[in-house]
Amino acid sequence: MRRRRETAFSSMDPRIDADHYTLFKLLDRMGTQRRASDIDELNPLLDQLLEHTFDHFTREEQMMRTWDYPGTVGHVQEHEAMRKAFIESLRRVVKGDQAVPAFIQHARESFTYHFETADMVFIHWLQMNRHTGTG
């Protein structure tokens, strides 16, 4: 079952929302590459996904710093752990040690969990503080 959080997720920042939407679209595109022989076609998508994810994390972290979000340090640490896990997963896919569908499922679940937990805490804080002039 595909989770369509990208359409329901709203960060109050159109760039962040577009990042999340694009991330899921890249995962969907990768889902069409299911065989080991598809790795040549998959590599450019893996590169795009890696670049997009890291750029997104950087933008989100900058937004948190701009608003003086008190949970920035912990959120940045979570992003760093996700970056490391993501790179390790990509290495396993490229080496053939992890199947593409398993990688896609794990990435989708990891990103969705992060959005539903850490990102939503930030968004809730932002909603409470952006309108009151604090932050």
C-alpha atoms as a PDB file:
ATOM      1  CA  MET A   1       0.000   0.000   0.000  1.00  0.00           C
ATOM      2  CA  ARG A   2       1.387   3.374  -0.962  1.00  0.00           C
ATOM      3  CA  ARG A   3       1.193   6.137   1.579  1.00  0.00           C
ATOM      4  CA  ARG A   4       0.223   9.433   0.047  1.00  0.00           C
ATOM      5  CA  ARG A   5       1.426  11.680   2.854  1.00  0.00           C
ATOM      6  CA  GLU A   6       3.011  13.993   0.319  1.00  0.00           C
ATOM      7  CA  THR A   7      -0.369  15.461  -0.626  1.00  0.00           C
ATOM      8  CA  ALA A   8      -1.596  15.818   2.949  1.00  0.00           C
ATOM      9  CA  PHE A   9       1.666  17.032   4.454  1.00  0.00           C
ATOM     10  CA  SER A  10       1.857  20.770   4.897  1.00  0.00           C
ATOM     11  CA  SER A  11       4.843  22.456   6.457  1.00  0.00           C
ATOM     12  CA  MET A  12       3.569  26.001   5.888  1.00  0.00           C
ATOM     13  CA  ASP A  13       6.508  26.435   3.515  1.00  0.00           C
ATOM     14  CA  PRO A  14       5.866  25.652  -0.162  1.00  0.00           C
ATOM     15  CA  ARG A  15       9.531  24.782  -0.797  1.00  0.00           C
ATOM     16  CA  ILE A  16       9.565  22.171   1.945  1.00  0.00           C
ATOM     17  CA  ASP A  17       6.226  20.752   0.759  1.00  0.00           C
ATOM     18  CA  ALA A  18       7.543  20.590  -2.815  1.00  0.00           C
ATOM     19  CA  ASP A  19      10.663  18.814  -1.531  1.00  0.00           C
ATOM     20  CA  HIS A  20       8.554  16.161   0.184  1.00  0.00           C
ATOM     21  CA  TYR A  21       6.374  15.700  -2.886  1.00  0.00           C
ATOM     22  CA  THR A  22       9.428  15.360  -5.163  1.00  0.00           C
ATOM     23  CA  LEU A  23      11.034  12.864  -2.803  1.00  0.00           C
ATOM     24  CA  PHE A  24       8.030  10.536  -3.019  1.00  0.00           C
ATOM     25  CA  LYS A  25       7.811  10.992  -6.787  1.00  0.00           C
ATOM     26  CA  LEU A  26      11.461   9.926  -7.120  1.00  0.00           C
ATOM     27  CA  LEU A  27      10.750   6.852  -5.005  1.00  0.00           C
ATOM     28  CA  ASP A  28       7.757   6.079  -7.229  1.00  0.00           C
ATOM     29  CA  ARG A  29       9.946   6.374 -10.342  1.00  0.00           C
ATOM     30  CA  MET A  30      12.526   4.103  -8.766  1.00  0.00           C
ATOM     31  CA  GLY A  31       9.783   1.564  -8.135  1.00  0.00           C
ATOM     32  CA  THR A  32       9.659   0.810 -11.846  1.00  0.00           C
ATOM     33  CA  GLN A  33      13.284  -0.425 -11.716  1.00  0.00           C
ATOM     34  CA  ARG A  34      12.890  -3.803 -10.071  1.00  0.00           C
ATOM     35  CA  ARG A  35      15.470  -6.106 -11.628  1.00  0.00           C
ATOM     36  CA  ALA A  36      19.198  -6.240 -10.970  1.00  0.00           C
ATOM     37  CA  SER A  37      19.705  -5.554 -14.661  1.00  0.00           C
ATOM     38  CA  ASP A  38      17.947  -2.191 -14.190  1.00  0.00           C
ATOM     39  CA  ILE A  39      20.859  -0.805 -12.135  1.00  0.00           C
ATOM     40  CA  ASP A  40      22.186   1.265 -15.064  1.00  0.00           C
ATOM     41  CA  GLU A  41      18.802   2.968 -15.372  1.00  0.00           C
ATOM     42  CA  LEU A  42      18.488   3.175 -11.596  1.00  0.00           C
ATOM     43  CA  ASN A  43      21.829   4.867 -10.928  1.00  0.00           C
ATOM     44  CA  PRO A  44      20.760   8.341 -12.170  1.00  0.00           C
ATOM     45  CA  LEU A  45      17.614   8.103 -10.025  1.00  0.00           C
ATOM     46  CA  LEU A  46      19.675   7.083  -7.002  1.00  0.00           C
ATOM     47  CA  ASP A  47      21.918  10.101  -7.604  1.00  0.00           C
ATOM     48  CA  GLN A  48      18.887  12.384  -7.895  1.00  0.00           C
ATOM     49  CA  LEU A  49      17.327  10.938  -4.746  1.00  0.00           C
ATOM     50  CA  LEU A  50      20.548  11.350  -2.767  1.00  0.00           C
ATOM     51  CA  GLU A  51      21.086  14.938  -3.926  1.00  0.00           C
ATOM     52  CA  HIS A  52      17.456  15.888  -3.438  1.00  0.00           C
ATOM     53  CA  THR A  53      17.273  14.373   0.052  1.00  0.00           C
ATOM     54  CA  PHE A  54      20.447  16.076   1.255  1.00  0.00           C
ATOM     55  CA  ASP A  55      19.425  19.420  -0.265  1.00  0.00           C
ATOM     56  CA  HIS A  56      16.018  19.092   1.368  1.00  0.00           C
ATOM     57  CA  PHE A  57      17.511  18.389   4.784  1.00  0.00           C
ATOM     58  CA  THR A  58      19.742  21.449   4.398  1.00  0.00           C
ATOM     59  CA  ARG A  59      16.775  23.669   3.463  1.00  0.00           C
ATOM     60  CA  GLU A  60      14.689  22.348   6.339  1.00  0.00           C
ATOM     61  CA  GLU A  61      17.529  22.873   8.809  1.00  0.00           C
ATOM     62  CA  GLN A  62      18.003  26.433   7.565  1.00  0.00           C
ATOM     63  CA  MET A  63      14.296  27.082   8.044  1.00  0.00           C
ATOM     64  CA  MET A  64      14.539  25.818  11.632  1.00  0.00           C
ATOM     65  CA  ARG A  65      17.505  28.076  12.325  1.00  0.00           C
ATOM     66  CA  THR A  66      15.733  31.051  10.755  1.00  0.00           C
ATOM     67  CA  TRP A  67      12.776  30.561  13.110  1.00  0.00           C
ATOM     68  CA  ASP A  68      15.001  29.751  16.129  1.00  0.00           C
ATOM     69  CA  TYR A  69      13.284  26.418  16.559  1.00  0.00           C
ATOM     70  CA  PRO A  70      14.369  25.010  19.955  1.00  0.00           C
ATOM     71  CA  GLY A  71      14.423  21.443  18.603  1.00  0.00           C
ATOM     72  CA  THR A  72      16.863  22.224  15.802  1.00  0.00           C
ATOM     73  CA  VAL A  73      19.841  20.377  17.294  1.00  0.00           C
ATOM     74  CA  GLY A  74      17.915  17.136  17.771  1.00  0.00           C
ATOM     75  CA  HIS A  75      16.287  17.393  14.361  1.00  0.00           C
ATOM     76  CA  VAL A  76      19.653  17.995  12.685  1.00  0.00           C
ATOM     77  CA  GLN A  77      21.030  14.937  14.505  1.00  0.00           C
ATOM     78  CA  GLU A  78      18.132  12.883  13.171  1.00  0.00           C
ATOM     79  CA  HIS A  79      18.841  14.149   9.649  1.00  0.00           C
ATOM     80  CA  GLU A  80      22.502  13.207  10.052  1.00  0.00           C
ATOM     81  CA  ALA A  81      21.583   9.686  11.156  1.00  0.00           C
ATOM     82  CA  MET A  82      19.226   9.420   8.176  1.00  0.00           C
ATOM     83  CA  ARG A  83      21.963  10.655   5.814  1.00  0.00           C
ATOM     84  CA  LYS A  84      24.366   7.972   7.067  1.00  0.00           C
ATOM     85  CA  ALA A  85      21.754   5.199   6.901  1.00  0.00           C
ATOM     86  CA  PHE A  86      20.685   6.345   3.447  1.00  0.00           C
ATOM     87  CA  ILE A  87      24.249   6.252   2.101  1.00  0.00           C
ATOM     88  CA  GLU A  88      24.796   2.799   3.580  1.00  0.00           C
ATOM     89  CA  SER A  89      21.563   1.549   1.998  1.00  0.00           C
ATOM     90  CA  LEU A  90      22.583   3.006  -1.362  1.00  0.00           C
ATOM     91  CA  ARG A  91      25.925   1.213  -1.127  1.00  0.00           C
ATOM     92  CA  ARG A  92      24.139  -2.085  -0.525  1.00  0.00           C
ATOM     93  CA  VAL A  93      21.846  -1.498  -3.517  1.00  0.00           C
ATOM     94  CA  VAL A  94      24.729  -0.611  -5.846  1.00  0.00           C
ATOM     95  CA  LYS A  95      26.722  -3.661  -4.686  1.00  0.00           C
ATOM     96  CA  GLY A  96      23.692  -5.871  -5.236  1.00  0.00           C
ATOM     97  CA  ASP A  97      23.407  -6.747  -1.543  1.00  0.00           C
ATOM     98  CA  GLN A  98      19.957  -5.165  -1.199  1.00  0.00           C
ATOM     99  CA  ALA A  99      17.069  -5.504  -3.616  1.00  0.00           C
ATOM    100  CA  VAL A 100      15.721  -2.297  -5.099  1.00  0.00           C
ATOM    101  CA  PRO A 101      12.123  -2.885  -3.922  1.00  0.00           C
ATOM    102  CA  ALA A 102      13.350  -3.441  -0.348  1.00  0.00           C
ATOM    103  CA  PHE A 103      15.408  -0.243  -0.521  1.00  0.00           C
ATOM    104  CA  ILE A 104      12.436   1.740  -1.847  1.00  0.00           C
ATOM    105  CA  GLN A 105      10.091   0.363   0.797  1.00  0.00           C
ATOM    106  CA  HIS A 106      12.560   1.090   3.599  1.00  0.00           C
ATOM    107  CA  ALA A 107      13.272   4.613   2.293  1.00  0.00           C
ATOM    108  CA  ARG A 108       9.557   5.371   1.940  1.00  0.00           C
ATOM    109  CA  GLU A 109       8.842   4.094   5.460  1.00  0.00           C
ATOM    110  CA  SER A 110      11.803   5.969   6.966  1.00  0.00           C
ATOM    111  CA  PHE A 111      10.921   9.263   5.320  1.00  0.00           C
ATOM    112  CA  THR A 112       7.222   8.905   6.148  1.00  0.00           C
ATOM    113  CA  TYR A 113       8.005   8.139   9.785  1.00  0.00           C
ATOM    114  CA  HIS A 114      10.322  11.158   9.969  1.00  0.00           C
ATOM    115  CA  PHE A 115       7.650  13.417   8.434  1.00  0.00           C
ATOM    116  CA  GLU A 116       4.937  12.118  10.757  1.00  0.00           C
ATOM    117  CA  THR A 117       7.065  12.526  13.871  1.00  0.00           C
ATOM    118  CA  ALA A 118       9.979  14.980  13.888  1.00  0.00           C
ATOM    119  CA  ASP A 119       8.728  17.173  11.035  1.00  0.00           C
ATOM    120  CA  MET A 120       5.229  17.368  12.485  1.00  0.00           C
ATOM    121  CA  VAL A 121       6.613  18.436  15.869  1.00  0.00           C
ATOM    122  CA  PHE A 122       8.468  21.245  14.110  1.00  0.00           C
ATOM    123  CA  ILE A 123       5.414  22.209  12.085  1.00  0.00           C
ATOM    124  CA  HIS A 124       3.231  22.270  15.181  1.00  0.00           C
ATOM    125  CA  TRP A 125       5.793  24.483  16.916  1.00  0.00           C
ATOM    126  CA  LEU A 126       5.972  26.691  13.844  1.00  0.00           C
ATOM    127  CA  GLN A 127       2.188  27.070  13.712  1.00  0.00           C
ATOM    128  CA  MET A 128       2.091  28.034  17.375  1.00  0.00           C
ATOM    129  CA  ASN A 129       4.979  30.504  17.164  1.00  0.00           C
ATOM    130  CA  ARG A 130       4.864  31.948  13.678  1.00  0.00           C
ATOM    131  CA  HIS A 131       1.496  33.558  14.297  1.00  0.00           C
ATOM    132  CA  THR A 132       2.359  34.934  17.702  1.00  0.00           C
ATOM    133  CA  GLY A 133       5.518  36.679  16.568  1.00  0.00           C
ATOM    134  CA  THR A 134       7.825  34.513  18.667  1.00  0.00           C
ATOM    135  CA  GLY A 135      10.449  32.309  17.086  1.00  0.00           C
END
